[in-house]
Each structure stands twice: as C-alpha cells, then as structure tokens.
Protein backbone atom coordinates (compact mmCIF):
# COMPACT_ATOMS: atom_id res chain seq x y z
CA MET A 1 -42.77 156.05 47.03
CA GLU A 2 -39.46 154.20 46.24
CA LYS A 3 -36.19 156.16 46.28
CA ASN A 4 -33.38 155.16 44.04
CA TYR A 5 -30.07 155.20 45.96
CA SER A 6 -27.98 154.04 43.42
CA HIS A 7 -24.25 155.26 43.29
CA LYS A 8 -22.51 156.29 40.12
CA ARG A 9 -18.81 155.29 40.06
CA ASN A 10 -16.50 158.21 39.27
CA ARG A 11 -14.83 157.02 36.21
CA THR A 12 -12.58 159.94 35.90
CA ARG A 13 -10.48 159.07 38.93
CA SER A 14 -7.01 157.62 38.56
CA LYS A 15 -6.60 153.92 39.45
CA LYS A 16 -2.87 154.10 39.48
CA GLY A 17 -2.66 154.56 43.05
CA ARG A 18 0.61 156.25 44.60
CA MET A 19 3.13 157.13 41.82
CA ILE A 20 6.34 156.32 43.52
CA LYS A 21 9.76 156.66 42.15
CA CYS A 22 13.14 154.63 42.83
CA PRO A 23 15.50 157.36 44.27
CA GLU A 24 18.21 155.38 42.47
CA CYS A 25 17.02 155.19 38.88
CA MET A 26 13.90 157.07 38.87
CA THR A 27 11.67 154.41 37.12
CA LEU A 28 8.11 153.97 38.94
CA MET A 29 8.15 150.93 41.75
CA GLU A 30 5.74 148.52 42.33
CA ARG A 31 4.52 147.93 45.94
CA VAL A 32 5.08 144.72 47.22
CA SER A 33 3.97 144.90 50.83
CA GLN A 34 1.06 146.20 52.94
CA LYS A 35 1.71 149.56 54.64
CA HIS A 36 3.30 149.11 58.34
CA ASN A 37 2.49 152.30 60.23
CA LEU A 38 4.96 153.91 62.64
CA HIS A 39 4.41 154.87 66.13
CA ALA A 40 6.67 157.66 68.08
CA THR A 41 7.33 156.61 71.88
CA THR A 42 9.62 159.50 72.62
CA VAL A 43 9.81 163.38 72.24
CA GLU A 44 12.57 163.30 69.75
CA GLN A 45 10.39 161.34 67.40
CA LEU A 46 7.70 163.56 67.42
CA LYS A 47 10.30 166.65 67.08
CA ASP A 48 11.34 164.80 63.67
CA GLN A 49 7.51 164.77 62.67
CA GLY A 50 7.61 168.50 63.28
CA ILE A 51 5.44 168.72 66.45
CA ALA A 52 7.08 171.28 69.03
CA ARG A 53 8.68 169.90 72.05
CA ARG A 54 5.87 171.17 74.43
CA ASN A 55 2.98 169.60 72.27
CA ALA A 56 5.20 166.26 72.14
CA ARG A 57 5.24 165.95 75.78
CA LEU A 58 1.98 166.62 76.11
CA LEU A 59 0.83 163.83 73.66
CA LEU A 60 3.20 161.23 75.26
CA LEU A 61 1.56 162.12 78.85
CA GLN A 62 -1.71 161.02 77.36
CA GLN A 63 -0.66 158.04 75.57
CA THR A 64 2.51 156.20 75.50
CA ALA A 65 2.75 155.75 71.56
CA VAL A 66 1.28 158.22 69.04
CA SER A 67 0.68 156.91 65.65
CA LEU A 68 2.37 158.57 62.86
CA SER A 69 -0.50 158.67 60.33
CA SER A 70 1.49 160.04 57.40
CA THR A 71 4.93 158.03 58.07
CA TRP A 72 4.81 154.31 57.10
CA LEU A 73 7.23 151.31 56.17
CA GLU A 74 6.76 149.53 52.87
CA ALA A 75 8.64 147.29 50.29
CA PHE A 76 8.77 148.13 47.08
CA TRP A 77 10.01 146.35 43.79
CA CYS A 78 11.86 148.23 41.31
CA ASN A 79 12.23 146.98 37.64
CA GLY A 80 15.00 149.33 36.76
CA CYS A 81 17.29 148.00 39.60
CA GLN A 82 15.70 144.49 39.77
CA ASN A 83 15.55 144.45 43.38
CA SER A 84 13.16 145.16 46.21
CA ASN A 85 13.97 147.39 49.12
CA TRP A 86 11.96 148.43 52.27
CA PHE A 87 11.42 152.33 52.80
CA VAL A 88 10.24 154.52 55.15
CA VAL A 89 7.54 156.59 53.13
CA THR A 90 6.76 159.96 54.38
CA LYS A 91 3.65 161.79 52.63
CA VAL A 92 3.97 165.71 53.03
CA ASP A 93 0.82 167.45 51.13
CA LYS A 94 0.69 165.29 47.95
CA GLU A 95 4.30 164.14 47.48
CA TYR A 96 5.97 160.99 48.74
CA HIS A 97 9.24 161.15 50.26
CA LEU A 98 11.55 158.22 50.74
CA ILE A 99 14.20 156.86 53.06
CA GLU A 100 15.79 153.68 53.19
CA ALA A 101 14.50 151.76 56.38
CA GLU A 102 16.99 151.50 59.38
CA LEU A 103 16.74 149.52 62.56
CA LYS A 104 15.28 151.98 64.56
CA ASN A 105 12.20 152.32 61.84
CA TRP A 106 11.80 148.66 62.26
CA LYS A 107 11.50 149.18 66.11
CA GLN A 108 8.61 151.82 65.80
CA SER A 109 6.57 149.68 63.59
CA ASN A 110 4.03 147.05 64.94
CA GLY A 111 4.39 143.13 64.03
CA THR A 112 7.26 143.50 61.83
CA LEU A 113 10.63 141.84 61.73
CA ASP A 114 13.66 143.30 60.40
CA PRO A 115 14.23 141.52 56.91
CA ASN A 116 18.15 142.30 57.14
CA HIS A 117 18.47 140.28 60.56
CA LEU A 118 17.26 136.48 60.94
CA ASN A 119 15.03 135.20 63.69
CA PRO A 120 17.18 132.97 65.69
CA SER A 121 14.50 130.53 66.45
CA VAL A 122 14.59 129.45 62.51
CA SER A 123 16.70 126.28 61.73
CA GLN A 124 19.48 126.47 59.07
CA PHE A 125 17.31 123.71 56.89
CA THR A 126 14.10 125.95 57.35
CA LEU A 127 16.17 128.90 56.12
CA LYS A 128 17.92 126.73 53.33
CA ASN A 129 14.82 125.56 51.97
CA SER A 130 12.86 128.75 51.87
CA LYS A 131 15.76 130.36 49.89
CA GLY A 132 15.75 127.61 47.42
CA THR A 133 19.76 127.33 47.76
CA THR A 134 21.52 124.06 48.42
CA GLN A 135 24.51 125.75 50.30
CA PRO A 136 24.27 126.37 54.18
CA TYR A 137 23.40 129.67 54.81
CA GLN A 138 25.92 131.90 56.40
C-alpha cells in the first residue's frame, strides 16, 4: 500500500517578511544585508537584555559568549530618505525596535567590520576605485 506524503503549501501566509519602518520618515525599508547575530560577553550586556545579574553570571561561567537570538545587526535601504543605514534590530514579541548601530555593537558581532571605519590595509587606489570617484579618499 502506497502512502502519499505530498505537502500543500499554505497560501494564506504572508510573503512580505519583516515589515520594518524607517525611524525618521516612517516608510517601509528594504533589507540590503544579511542578519549578523550579536553575542554578549559581559554581565552588563546580558542585563541590558533583561537577564538578572545572578543568571547572567552563571551563563558566562558556563560559556564565554552568549548568543542573543532576538538581537542582530542588519542594513536597510529607505526609499524615503534615499540612504542605507545599519541598525541594531531587537525583536520583542512581534514588534521590531531599531537603534542605529554603534561601535560597541560591531564589537559584539562575528565576522563584521564597522563600515564607518576603513580597513587600514586597503590602499587608497583600491578605495578610490571601489567608490567610483576620481578624487583621492580623505
């Protein structure tokens, strides 16, 4: 006896994904990067996430870094402002809260470089050609 294991796709599910609005002009923004998960290495960082001091110390004794599953770095493009920005996105229940990324946030992620600070090992020629400008990079 043959069994049919076909799976019907749920067509009522939304295909829009995360609906994140620009904090400045309140228009919907488009994702232009992948999510870069953040991790906490200090008790203060875990306290900021709502974990009690005692529990935070216990977690950090067990592992050197704790992954923050509801907080990540991501770049978005805003059509209203006509620019892209990096934000720290925090998901609370079904809402997303955005804070502009700071240097401390870049240090909390793996495999990312702060886009506001250039890599010193890259030559001016490479920077000039990657930007598409004819003036030397300042």
